[in-house]
Amino acid sequence: MSERWLIFSQRWSDQLLLGLQILLILLVAYILQRLVVRGLSRLGSRYPLPPELLLPLRGGIRWFIIGGALIMVLERVGVSATVIWTAFSGFVAVAAVAFFAIWSVLSNLLCAVLIMTVGPFRLGDMVELVESFDKPIVKGRVIDINLLYTTLEESADSGTGAIVQVPNSLFFQKVLRRWRGTEIQPPHHNAHE
């Protein structure tokens, strides 16, 4: 009976010690976080630092301390820091690839909203995107604006008369020439210029 009691009390004391260590880690992290926030607040009141700088700095330091405390707690429970780091870096890599994969779509959606609200051009306008040094990229009449593309109809005198879909973000990256509706016809470029 005493041997069973000794094993039971040893397990119980190990669990109690582990719980106390976890509580100590969390308490130290909380106190450290409060001290850092208080120090940054004092620094902000003493020197003219903009709140736009202090707010993200406070949040970043807070998350850094919480993350460190979480890793220490998980290590005390028996999860390896290598496993945590591998899982975290794998998640960050997948998130970065996903972000870059959808970035162009999100950019075109935002630019569509800007085109529709700001109105740099509208349906029926003749537009021309120009690269640096007056080198035209595409020119045509706007026949449709959707969330991803603006559709242009190239003029028949250019030789093609094709329908061209231009990503909306391109209108904010290049120089744009615009002629409203049928008010002004675009000048024809002379081949000798």
N, C-alpha and C. Protein backbone atom coordinates (compact mmCIF):
# COMPACT_ATOMS: atom_id res chain seq x y z
N MET A 1 0.82 -1.19 0.00
CA MET A 1 0.00 0.00 0.00
C MET A 1 0.86 1.26 0.00
N SER A 2 1.93 1.26 0.76
CA SER A 2 2.78 2.44 0.86
C SER A 2 3.52 2.67 -0.46
N GLU A 3 3.84 1.61 -1.19
CA GLU A 3 4.51 1.78 -2.48
C GLU A 3 3.58 2.42 -3.48
N ARG A 4 2.30 2.03 -3.50
CA ARG A 4 1.32 2.64 -4.40
C ARG A 4 1.12 4.10 -4.02
N TRP A 5 1.08 4.35 -2.72
CA TRP A 5 0.90 5.73 -2.27
C TRP A 5 2.09 6.59 -2.66
N LEU A 6 3.28 6.04 -2.59
CA LEU A 6 4.49 6.77 -2.97
C LEU A 6 4.47 7.10 -4.46
N ILE A 7 4.05 6.15 -5.30
CA ILE A 7 3.97 6.38 -6.75
C ILE A 7 2.90 7.43 -7.03
N PHE A 8 1.74 7.31 -6.36
CA PHE A 8 0.66 8.27 -6.56
C PHE A 8 1.09 9.68 -6.14
N SER A 9 1.73 9.78 -4.97
CA SER A 9 2.15 11.10 -4.50
C SER A 9 3.26 11.68 -5.38
N GLN A 10 4.11 10.82 -5.93
CA GLN A 10 5.16 11.30 -6.84
C GLN A 10 4.53 11.86 -8.11
N ARG A 11 3.55 11.15 -8.70
CA ARG A 11 2.87 11.63 -9.90
C ARG A 11 2.13 12.94 -9.61
N TRP A 12 1.47 12.97 -8.45
CA TRP A 12 0.71 14.16 -8.08
C TRP A 12 1.64 15.35 -7.89
N SER A 13 2.76 15.15 -7.26
CA SER A 13 3.71 16.26 -7.04
C SER A 13 4.33 16.70 -8.37
N ASP A 14 4.58 15.74 -9.29
CA ASP A 14 5.09 16.11 -10.62
C ASP A 14 4.07 16.98 -11.37
N GLN A 15 2.79 16.61 -11.30
CA GLN A 15 1.74 17.38 -11.96
C GLN A 15 1.59 18.76 -11.31
N LEU A 16 1.67 18.80 -10.00
CA LEU A 16 1.58 20.07 -9.28
C LEU A 16 2.76 20.97 -9.65
N LEU A 17 3.95 20.41 -9.70
CA LEU A 17 5.14 21.17 -10.08
C LEU A 17 5.01 21.70 -11.51
N LEU A 18 4.50 20.87 -12.42
CA LEU A 18 4.30 21.30 -13.80
C LEU A 18 3.28 22.45 -13.86
N GLY A 19 2.19 22.32 -13.12
CA GLY A 19 1.19 23.39 -13.08
C GLY A 19 1.75 24.68 -12.53
N LEU A 20 2.56 24.59 -11.48
CA LEU A 20 3.18 25.78 -10.91
C LEU A 20 4.16 26.43 -11.89
N GLN A 21 4.91 25.60 -12.61
CA GLN A 21 5.83 26.15 -13.61
C GLN A 21 5.07 26.89 -14.72
N ILE A 22 3.96 26.31 -15.15
CA ILE A 22 3.15 26.95 -16.20
C ILE A 22 2.58 28.26 -15.68
N LEU A 23 2.06 28.25 -14.45
CA LEU A 23 1.53 29.48 -13.86
C LEU A 23 2.63 30.54 -13.72
N LEU A 24 3.82 30.14 -13.33
CA LEU A 24 4.93 31.07 -13.20
C LEU A 24 5.31 31.66 -14.56
N ILE A 25 5.35 30.85 -15.59
CA ILE A 25 5.66 31.34 -16.94
C ILE A 25 4.61 32.37 -17.37
N LEU A 26 3.33 32.05 -17.17
CA LEU A 26 2.26 32.97 -17.56
C LEU A 26 2.29 34.25 -16.74
N LEU A 27 2.58 34.15 -15.46
CA LEU A 27 2.66 35.33 -14.60
C LEU A 27 3.82 36.23 -15.03
N VAL A 28 4.98 35.65 -15.27
CA VAL A 28 6.14 36.44 -15.71
C VAL A 28 5.85 37.10 -17.05
N ALA A 29 5.21 36.38 -17.97
CA ALA A 29 4.87 36.96 -19.28
C ALA A 29 3.90 38.12 -19.11
N TYR A 30 2.91 37.96 -18.24
CA TYR A 30 1.93 39.03 -18.01
C TYR A 30 2.61 40.27 -17.42
N ILE A 31 3.45 40.06 -16.42
CA ILE A 31 4.14 41.19 -15.78
C ILE A 31 5.09 41.86 -16.78
N LEU A 32 5.82 41.08 -17.54
CA LEU A 32 6.73 41.63 -18.54
C LEU A 32 5.97 42.44 -19.59
N GLN A 33 4.86 41.91 -20.03
CA GLN A 33 4.04 42.61 -21.02
C GLN A 33 3.53 43.92 -20.46
N ARG A 34 3.05 43.94 -19.23
CA ARG A 34 2.55 45.16 -18.60
C ARG A 34 3.66 46.19 -18.43
N LEU A 35 4.86 45.74 -18.04
CA LEU A 35 5.99 46.65 -17.87
C LEU A 35 6.40 47.28 -19.21
N VAL A 36 6.41 46.48 -20.25
CA VAL A 36 6.79 47.00 -21.56
C VAL A 36 5.75 48.01 -22.05
N VAL A 37 4.47 47.70 -21.90
CA VAL A 37 3.41 48.62 -22.33
C VAL A 37 3.49 49.92 -21.53
N ARG A 38 3.70 49.82 -20.24
CA ARG A 38 3.82 51.01 -19.39
C ARG A 38 5.05 51.83 -19.79
N GLY A 39 6.16 51.15 -20.06
CA GLY A 39 7.37 51.85 -20.49
C GLY A 39 7.18 52.56 -21.82
N LEU A 40 6.50 51.91 -22.76
CA LEU A 40 6.23 52.56 -24.05
C LEU A 40 5.28 53.74 -23.89
N SER A 41 4.31 53.62 -23.00
CA SER A 41 3.39 54.74 -22.75
C SER A 41 4.14 55.93 -22.17
N ARG A 42 5.03 55.67 -21.23
CA ARG A 42 5.84 56.76 -20.66
C ARG A 42 6.75 57.37 -21.72
N LEU A 43 7.33 56.54 -22.55
CA LEU A 43 8.19 57.03 -23.63
C LEU A 43 7.39 57.90 -24.58
N GLY A 44 6.16 57.49 -24.88
CA GLY A 44 5.29 58.26 -25.77
C GLY A 44 4.86 59.58 -25.17
N SER A 45 4.69 59.64 -23.84
CA SER A 45 4.30 60.90 -23.21
C SER A 45 5.50 61.83 -23.02
N ARG A 46 6.67 61.27 -22.88
CA ARG A 46 7.87 62.09 -22.68
C ARG A 46 8.39 62.68 -23.98
N TYR A 47 8.37 61.89 -25.03
CA TYR A 47 8.84 62.33 -26.34
C TYR A 47 7.67 62.40 -27.31
N PRO A 48 7.72 63.31 -28.26
CA PRO A 48 6.58 63.45 -29.19
C PRO A 48 6.56 62.33 -30.24
N LEU A 49 6.24 61.14 -29.80
CA LEU A 49 6.15 60.00 -30.72
C LEU A 49 4.70 59.86 -31.19
N PRO A 50 4.50 59.65 -32.48
CA PRO A 50 3.13 59.53 -32.98
C PRO A 50 2.47 58.24 -32.51
N PRO A 51 1.16 58.28 -32.22
CA PRO A 51 0.45 57.07 -31.80
C PRO A 51 0.46 55.99 -32.88
N GLU A 52 0.60 56.40 -34.15
CA GLU A 52 0.65 55.42 -35.24
C GLU A 52 1.90 54.55 -35.15
N LEU A 53 2.92 55.03 -34.45
CA LEU A 53 4.12 54.23 -34.24
C LEU A 53 4.01 53.40 -32.97
N LEU A 54 3.47 54.00 -31.91
CA LEU A 54 3.41 53.30 -30.62
C LEU A 54 2.41 52.15 -30.61
N LEU A 55 1.26 52.34 -31.24
CA LEU A 55 0.23 51.30 -31.21
C LEU A 55 0.69 49.99 -31.84
N PRO A 56 1.26 49.98 -33.06
CA PRO A 56 1.74 48.70 -33.60
C PRO A 56 2.94 48.14 -32.83
N LEU A 57 3.78 49.04 -32.32
CA LEU A 57 4.94 48.57 -31.55
C LEU A 57 4.48 47.87 -30.28
N ARG A 58 3.50 48.47 -29.59
CA ARG A 58 2.93 47.85 -28.39
C ARG A 58 2.32 46.48 -28.71
N GLY A 59 1.54 46.43 -29.78
CA GLY A 59 0.90 45.17 -30.17
C GLY A 59 1.91 44.12 -30.58
N GLY A 60 2.93 44.52 -31.32
CA GLY A 60 3.96 43.56 -31.75
C GLY A 60 4.72 42.97 -30.58
N ILE A 61 5.10 43.83 -29.63
CA ILE A 61 5.84 43.34 -28.46
C ILE A 61 4.94 42.44 -27.61
N ARG A 62 3.66 42.84 -27.49
CA ARG A 62 2.72 42.02 -26.71
C ARG A 62 2.61 40.62 -27.32
N TRP A 63 2.43 40.53 -28.64
CA TRP A 63 2.31 39.23 -29.29
C TRP A 63 3.61 38.43 -29.22
N PHE A 64 4.74 39.11 -29.26
CA PHE A 64 6.03 38.44 -29.14
C PHE A 64 6.16 37.80 -27.76
N ILE A 65 5.78 38.52 -26.72
CA ILE A 65 5.85 37.98 -25.35
C ILE A 65 4.86 36.83 -25.18
N ILE A 66 3.64 37.00 -25.67
CA ILE A 66 2.64 35.92 -25.57
C ILE A 66 3.10 34.68 -26.32
N GLY A 67 3.66 34.88 -27.53
CA GLY A 67 4.16 33.74 -28.31
C GLY A 67 5.29 33.02 -27.60
N GLY A 68 6.21 33.79 -27.03
CA GLY A 68 7.31 33.18 -26.28
C GLY A 68 6.81 32.39 -25.08
N ALA A 69 5.84 32.95 -24.35
CA ALA A 69 5.28 32.25 -23.20
C ALA A 69 4.56 30.98 -23.64
N LEU A 70 3.83 31.06 -24.74
CA LEU A 70 3.14 29.87 -25.25
C LEU A 70 4.12 28.76 -25.62
N ILE A 71 5.21 29.13 -26.26
CA ILE A 71 6.23 28.12 -26.63
C ILE A 71 6.83 27.50 -25.37
N MET A 72 7.10 28.32 -24.36
CA MET A 72 7.67 27.79 -23.12
C MET A 72 6.69 26.85 -22.42
N VAL A 73 5.40 27.21 -22.42
CA VAL A 73 4.39 26.35 -21.79
C VAL A 73 4.29 25.03 -22.55
N LEU A 74 4.26 25.10 -23.88
CA LEU A 74 4.17 23.86 -24.67
C LEU A 74 5.40 22.98 -24.46
N GLU A 75 6.56 23.59 -24.31
CA GLU A 75 7.77 22.79 -24.03
C GLU A 75 7.67 22.11 -22.67
N ARG A 76 7.11 22.79 -21.67
CA ARG A 76 6.94 22.19 -20.36
C ARG A 76 5.98 21.01 -20.41
N VAL A 77 4.98 21.10 -21.29
CA VAL A 77 4.01 20.02 -21.42
C VAL A 77 4.61 18.84 -22.19
N GLY A 78 5.65 19.10 -22.98
CA GLY A 78 6.31 18.02 -23.68
C GLY A 78 6.34 18.16 -25.20
N VAL A 79 5.85 19.28 -25.72
CA VAL A 79 5.90 19.50 -27.17
C VAL A 79 7.23 20.15 -27.49
N SER A 80 7.92 19.60 -28.47
CA SER A 80 9.25 20.09 -28.84
C SER A 80 9.15 21.44 -29.55
N ALA A 81 10.10 22.32 -29.25
CA ALA A 81 10.14 23.63 -29.92
C ALA A 81 10.42 23.46 -31.41
N THR A 82 11.14 22.42 -31.78
CA THR A 82 11.42 22.15 -33.19
C THR A 82 10.13 21.83 -33.93
N VAL A 83 9.27 21.04 -33.31
CA VAL A 83 7.98 20.69 -33.93
C VAL A 83 7.13 21.95 -34.08
N ILE A 84 7.11 22.79 -33.05
CA ILE A 84 6.34 24.03 -33.11
C ILE A 84 6.87 24.93 -34.22
N TRP A 85 8.20 25.09 -34.26
CA TRP A 85 8.79 25.96 -35.27
C TRP A 85 8.55 25.42 -36.68
N THR A 86 8.64 24.12 -36.87
CA THR A 86 8.39 23.52 -38.18
C THR A 86 6.95 23.74 -38.61
N ALA A 87 6.02 23.53 -37.70
CA ALA A 87 4.61 23.75 -38.02
C ALA A 87 4.34 25.22 -38.33
N PHE A 88 4.90 26.11 -37.54
CA PHE A 88 4.69 27.54 -37.75
C PHE A 88 5.29 28.00 -39.07
N SER A 89 6.51 27.60 -39.35
CA SER A 89 7.14 28.04 -40.60
C SER A 89 6.43 27.44 -41.81
N GLY A 90 5.93 26.23 -41.70
CA GLY A 90 5.15 25.64 -42.79
C GLY A 90 3.86 26.40 -43.02
N PHE A 91 3.20 26.78 -41.94
CA PHE A 91 1.97 27.57 -42.06
C PHE A 91 2.25 28.92 -42.70
N VAL A 92 3.32 29.59 -42.28
CA VAL A 92 3.66 30.90 -42.83
C VAL A 92 3.99 30.78 -44.32
N ALA A 93 4.71 29.73 -44.70
CA ALA A 93 5.04 29.54 -46.12
C ALA A 93 3.79 29.34 -46.97
N VAL A 94 2.88 28.51 -46.50
CA VAL A 94 1.63 28.27 -47.23
C VAL A 94 0.80 29.55 -47.30
N ALA A 95 0.73 30.30 -46.20
CA ALA A 95 -0.03 31.56 -46.18
C ALA A 95 0.58 32.57 -47.15
N ALA A 96 1.91 32.64 -47.21
CA ALA A 96 2.57 33.58 -48.12
C ALA A 96 2.29 33.21 -49.57
N VAL A 97 2.35 31.93 -49.90
CA VAL A 97 2.06 31.49 -51.27
C VAL A 97 0.61 31.80 -51.62
N ALA A 98 -0.30 31.53 -50.70
CA ALA A 98 -1.72 31.81 -50.95
C ALA A 98 -1.95 33.30 -51.12
N PHE A 99 -1.29 34.12 -50.30
CA PHE A 99 -1.45 35.56 -50.41
C PHE A 99 -0.97 36.06 -51.77
N PHE A 100 0.20 35.60 -52.20
CA PHE A 100 0.71 36.05 -53.49
C PHE A 100 -0.13 35.50 -54.65
N ALA A 101 -0.73 34.35 -54.45
CA ALA A 101 -1.57 33.77 -55.50
C ALA A 101 -2.84 34.59 -55.70
N ILE A 102 -3.39 35.13 -54.63
CA ILE A 102 -4.64 35.88 -54.78
C ILE A 102 -4.41 37.38 -54.81
N TRP A 103 -3.16 37.83 -54.69
CA TRP A 103 -2.88 39.25 -54.66
C TRP A 103 -3.35 39.96 -55.92
N SER A 104 -3.09 39.40 -57.09
CA SER A 104 -3.49 40.07 -58.32
C SER A 104 -5.01 40.17 -58.42
N VAL A 105 -5.72 39.14 -57.96
CA VAL A 105 -7.18 39.18 -57.99
C VAL A 105 -7.69 40.26 -57.04
N LEU A 106 -7.13 40.31 -55.82
CA LEU A 106 -7.55 41.34 -54.87
C LEU A 106 -7.21 42.73 -55.37
N SER A 107 -6.06 42.87 -56.00
CA SER A 107 -5.67 44.16 -56.56
C SER A 107 -6.64 44.61 -57.64
N ASN A 108 -7.02 43.69 -58.52
CA ASN A 108 -7.97 44.03 -59.58
C ASN A 108 -9.34 44.37 -59.02
N LEU A 109 -9.77 43.66 -57.96
CA LEU A 109 -11.06 43.98 -57.33
C LEU A 109 -11.06 45.38 -56.72
N LEU A 110 -9.99 45.71 -56.01
CA LEU A 110 -9.88 47.03 -55.41
C LEU A 110 -9.84 48.11 -56.50
N CYS A 111 -9.09 47.88 -57.55
CA CYS A 111 -9.02 48.85 -58.63
C CYS A 111 -10.35 49.00 -59.35
N ALA A 112 -11.14 47.93 -59.45
CA ALA A 112 -12.48 48.03 -60.05
C ALA A 112 -13.36 48.95 -59.21
N VAL A 113 -13.27 48.80 -57.89
CA VAL A 113 -14.05 49.68 -57.02
C VAL A 113 -13.60 51.13 -57.21
N LEU A 114 -12.29 51.35 -57.33
CA LEU A 114 -11.79 52.71 -57.55
C LEU A 114 -12.23 53.27 -58.90
N ILE A 115 -12.21 52.44 -59.93
CA ILE A 115 -12.65 52.89 -61.26
C ILE A 115 -14.12 53.29 -61.21
N MET A 116 -14.93 52.50 -60.51
CA MET A 116 -16.37 52.78 -60.46
C MET A 116 -16.70 53.97 -59.57
N THR A 117 -15.90 54.23 -58.54
CA THR A 117 -16.20 55.34 -57.64
C THR A 117 -15.51 56.63 -58.05
N VAL A 118 -14.23 56.56 -58.39
CA VAL A 118 -13.48 57.76 -58.76
C VAL A 118 -13.78 58.18 -60.19
N GLY A 119 -13.95 57.20 -61.08
CA GLY A 119 -14.33 57.49 -62.45
C GLY A 119 -13.24 58.07 -63.33
N PRO A 120 -12.07 57.46 -63.40
CA PRO A 120 -11.04 57.99 -64.31
C PRO A 120 -11.48 57.86 -65.78
N PHE A 121 -12.40 56.97 -66.06
CA PHE A 121 -13.02 56.81 -67.37
C PHE A 121 -14.35 56.12 -67.19
N ARG A 122 -15.15 56.09 -68.23
CA ARG A 122 -16.46 55.44 -68.15
C ARG A 122 -16.76 54.76 -69.47
N LEU A 123 -17.87 54.04 -69.51
CA LEU A 123 -18.26 53.33 -70.73
C LEU A 123 -18.37 54.32 -71.89
N GLY A 124 -17.85 53.92 -73.03
CA GLY A 124 -17.91 54.75 -74.22
C GLY A 124 -16.69 55.64 -74.42
N ASP A 125 -15.86 55.83 -73.39
CA ASP A 125 -14.67 56.66 -73.52
C ASP A 125 -13.61 55.92 -74.34
N MET A 126 -12.80 56.69 -75.04
CA MET A 126 -11.64 56.14 -75.73
C MET A 126 -10.47 56.31 -74.76
N VAL A 127 -9.76 55.22 -74.47
CA VAL A 127 -8.63 55.27 -73.54
C VAL A 127 -7.40 54.66 -74.20
N GLU A 128 -6.25 55.12 -73.72
CA GLU A 128 -4.99 54.58 -74.21
C GLU A 128 -4.05 54.48 -73.02
N LEU A 129 -3.52 53.29 -72.79
CA LEU A 129 -2.50 53.10 -71.77
C LEU A 129 -1.15 53.33 -72.41
N VAL A 130 -0.32 54.13 -71.74
CA VAL A 130 0.95 54.52 -72.31
C VAL A 130 2.08 54.10 -71.38
N GLU A 131 3.08 53.45 -71.93
CA GLU A 131 4.29 53.10 -71.20
C GLU A 131 5.16 54.34 -71.15
N SER A 132 6.26 54.27 -70.47
CA SER A 132 7.16 55.41 -70.43
C SER A 132 7.64 55.77 -71.84
N PHE A 133 8.00 57.01 -72.01
CA PHE A 133 8.49 57.55 -73.28
C PHE A 133 7.44 57.48 -74.37
N ASP A 134 6.17 57.66 -73.99
CA ASP A 134 5.07 57.79 -74.94
C ASP A 134 4.90 56.57 -75.84
N LYS A 135 5.20 55.40 -75.32
CA LYS A 135 5.05 54.16 -76.07
C LYS A 135 3.69 53.55 -75.73
N PRO A 136 2.73 53.54 -76.66
CA PRO A 136 1.39 53.03 -76.34
C PRO A 136 1.40 51.52 -76.09
N ILE A 137 0.61 51.12 -75.11
CA ILE A 137 0.45 49.70 -74.80
C ILE A 137 -0.81 49.18 -75.47
N VAL A 138 -1.92 49.84 -75.18
CA VAL A 138 -3.20 49.43 -75.76
C VAL A 138 -4.09 50.67 -75.85
N LYS A 139 -4.95 50.67 -76.86
CA LYS A 139 -5.83 51.81 -77.08
C LYS A 139 -7.16 51.28 -77.60
N GLY A 140 -8.26 51.79 -77.06
CA GLY A 140 -9.56 51.35 -77.52
C GLY A 140 -10.69 52.02 -76.78
N ARG A 141 -11.90 51.74 -77.22
CA ARG A 141 -13.11 52.29 -76.60
C ARG A 141 -13.57 51.34 -75.49
N VAL A 142 -13.91 51.91 -74.33
CA VAL A 142 -14.35 51.12 -73.18
C VAL A 142 -15.76 50.61 -73.46
N ILE A 143 -15.91 49.27 -73.49
CA ILE A 143 -17.24 48.69 -73.74
C ILE A 143 -17.78 47.93 -72.52
N ASP A 144 -16.90 47.63 -71.54
CA ASP A 144 -17.37 46.94 -70.34
C ASP A 144 -16.36 47.12 -69.22
N ILE A 145 -16.87 47.25 -67.99
CA ILE A 145 -16.03 47.31 -66.80
C ILE A 145 -16.61 46.31 -65.81
N ASN A 146 -15.83 45.28 -65.46
CA ASN A 146 -16.29 44.33 -64.45
C ASN A 146 -15.29 44.31 -63.30
N LEU A 147 -15.43 43.36 -62.39
CA LEU A 147 -14.59 43.37 -61.19
C LEU A 147 -13.13 43.02 -61.44
N LEU A 148 -12.82 42.38 -62.54
CA LEU A 148 -11.43 42.00 -62.82
C LEU A 148 -10.83 42.73 -64.01
N TYR A 149 -11.63 42.94 -65.05
CA TYR A 149 -11.11 43.48 -66.29
C TYR A 149 -11.94 44.65 -66.78
N THR A 150 -11.30 45.51 -67.56
CA THR A 150 -11.99 46.51 -68.36
C THR A 150 -11.81 46.06 -69.80
N THR A 151 -12.93 45.95 -70.52
CA THR A 151 -12.87 45.46 -71.90
C THR A 151 -12.84 46.65 -72.84
N LEU A 152 -11.86 46.64 -73.72
CA LEU A 152 -11.68 47.69 -74.72
C LEU A 152 -11.90 47.10 -76.11
N GLU A 153 -12.51 47.90 -76.98
CA GLU A 153 -12.65 47.52 -78.38
C GLU A 153 -11.67 48.39 -79.15
N GLU A 154 -10.65 47.74 -79.72
CA GLU A 154 -9.67 48.49 -80.50
C GLU A 154 -10.35 49.05 -81.73
N SER A 155 -9.91 50.21 -82.17
CA SER A 155 -10.54 50.83 -83.34
C SER A 155 -10.20 50.05 -84.61
N ALA A 156 -11.13 50.08 -85.55
CA ALA A 156 -10.94 49.35 -86.81
C ALA A 156 -9.80 49.93 -87.62
N ASP A 157 -9.51 51.24 -87.46
CA ASP A 157 -8.41 51.82 -88.23
C ASP A 157 -7.04 51.40 -87.73
N SER A 158 -6.99 50.76 -86.54
CA SER A 158 -5.71 50.24 -86.05
C SER A 158 -5.37 48.93 -86.74
N GLY A 159 -6.31 48.40 -87.47
CA GLY A 159 -6.03 47.20 -88.23
C GLY A 159 -6.58 45.93 -87.63
N THR A 160 -6.85 45.91 -86.31
CA THR A 160 -7.30 44.65 -85.72
C THR A 160 -8.78 44.67 -85.38
N GLY A 161 -9.26 45.72 -84.77
CA GLY A 161 -10.65 45.77 -84.33
C GLY A 161 -10.95 44.71 -83.28
N ALA A 162 -9.93 44.31 -82.54
CA ALA A 162 -10.06 43.23 -81.56
C ALA A 162 -10.65 43.74 -80.24
N ILE A 163 -11.15 42.79 -79.46
CA ILE A 163 -11.62 43.05 -78.09
C ILE A 163 -10.47 42.70 -77.17
N VAL A 164 -10.10 43.65 -76.30
CA VAL A 164 -8.96 43.45 -75.40
C VAL A 164 -9.45 43.59 -73.96
N GLN A 165 -9.11 42.61 -73.11
CA GLN A 165 -9.43 42.69 -71.69
C GLN A 165 -8.16 43.12 -70.95
N VAL A 166 -8.25 44.27 -70.29
CA VAL A 166 -7.12 44.84 -69.57
C VAL A 166 -7.38 44.70 -68.08
N PRO A 167 -6.46 44.11 -67.31
CA PRO A 167 -6.65 44.03 -65.85
C PRO A 167 -6.83 45.43 -65.27
N ASN A 168 -7.78 45.57 -64.36
CA ASN A 168 -8.10 46.88 -63.79
C ASN A 168 -6.91 47.54 -63.11
N SER A 169 -6.05 46.75 -62.51
CA SER A 169 -4.91 47.34 -61.80
C SER A 169 -3.95 48.04 -62.75
N LEU A 170 -3.92 47.65 -64.01
CA LEU A 170 -3.01 48.27 -64.97
C LEU A 170 -3.34 49.74 -65.19
N PHE A 171 -4.59 50.13 -65.01
CA PHE A 171 -4.99 51.52 -65.20
C PHE A 171 -4.41 52.44 -64.11
N PHE A 172 -3.97 51.85 -63.00
CA PHE A 172 -3.38 52.64 -61.94
C PHE A 172 -1.86 52.51 -61.91
N GLN A 173 -1.30 51.71 -62.82
CA GLN A 173 0.15 51.52 -62.88
C GLN A 173 0.77 52.22 -64.07
N LYS A 174 -0.01 52.56 -65.05
CA LYS A 174 0.49 53.17 -66.28
C LYS A 174 -0.17 54.53 -66.48
N VAL A 175 0.40 55.29 -67.39
CA VAL A 175 -0.20 56.58 -67.76
C VAL A 175 -1.43 56.30 -68.60
N LEU A 176 -2.51 57.03 -68.34
CA LEU A 176 -3.77 56.82 -69.03
C LEU A 176 -4.15 58.08 -69.78
N ARG A 177 -4.38 57.93 -71.09
CA ARG A 177 -4.96 59.01 -71.89
C ARG A 177 -6.43 58.67 -72.06
N ARG A 178 -7.27 59.74 -72.01
CA ARG A 178 -8.70 59.49 -72.11
C ARG A 178 -9.35 60.56 -72.97
N TRP A 179 -10.28 60.11 -73.81
CA TRP A 179 -11.11 61.01 -74.57
C TRP A 179 -12.55 60.64 -74.24
N ARG A 180 -13.32 61.59 -73.73
CA ARG A 180 -14.69 61.33 -73.30
C ARG A 180 -15.58 61.00 -74.49
N GLY A 181 -16.28 59.90 -74.38
CA GLY A 181 -17.29 59.50 -75.37
C GLY A 181 -16.89 59.78 -76.80
N THR A 182 -17.73 60.52 -77.53
CA THR A 182 -17.43 60.84 -78.93
C THR A 182 -17.13 62.32 -79.08
N GLU A 183 -16.91 63.04 -77.95
CA GLU A 183 -16.65 64.47 -78.01
C GLU A 183 -15.39 64.78 -78.80
N ILE A 184 -14.30 64.12 -78.47
CA ILE A 184 -13.01 64.39 -79.11
C ILE A 184 -12.47 63.08 -79.65
N GLN A 185 -12.07 63.10 -80.87
CA GLN A 185 -11.47 61.90 -81.45
C GLN A 185 -9.98 61.94 -81.17
N PRO A 186 -9.40 60.81 -80.85
CA PRO A 186 -7.97 60.80 -80.55
C PRO A 186 -7.17 61.14 -81.81
N PRO A 187 -6.10 61.90 -81.65
CA PRO A 187 -5.28 62.23 -82.82
C PRO A 187 -4.55 61.00 -83.32
N HIS A 188 -4.34 60.95 -84.63
CA HIS A 188 -3.59 59.84 -85.22
C HIS A 188 -2.12 60.20 -85.15
N HIS A 189 -1.29 59.25 -84.78
CA HIS A 189 0.14 59.48 -84.69
C HIS A 189 0.74 59.45 -86.07
N ASN A 190 1.56 60.42 -86.36
CA ASN A 190 2.25 60.49 -87.63
C ASN A 190 3.46 59.56 -87.57
N ALA A 191 3.71 58.83 -88.61
CA ALA A 191 4.81 57.84 -88.60
C ALA A 191 6.15 58.53 -88.59
N HIS A 192 6.23 59.83 -88.98
CA HIS A 192 7.52 60.53 -89.02
C HIS A 192 7.90 61.15 -87.69
N GLU A 193 7.02 61.14 -86.73
CA GLU A 193 7.32 61.76 -85.42
C GLU A 193 8.23 60.92 -84.61
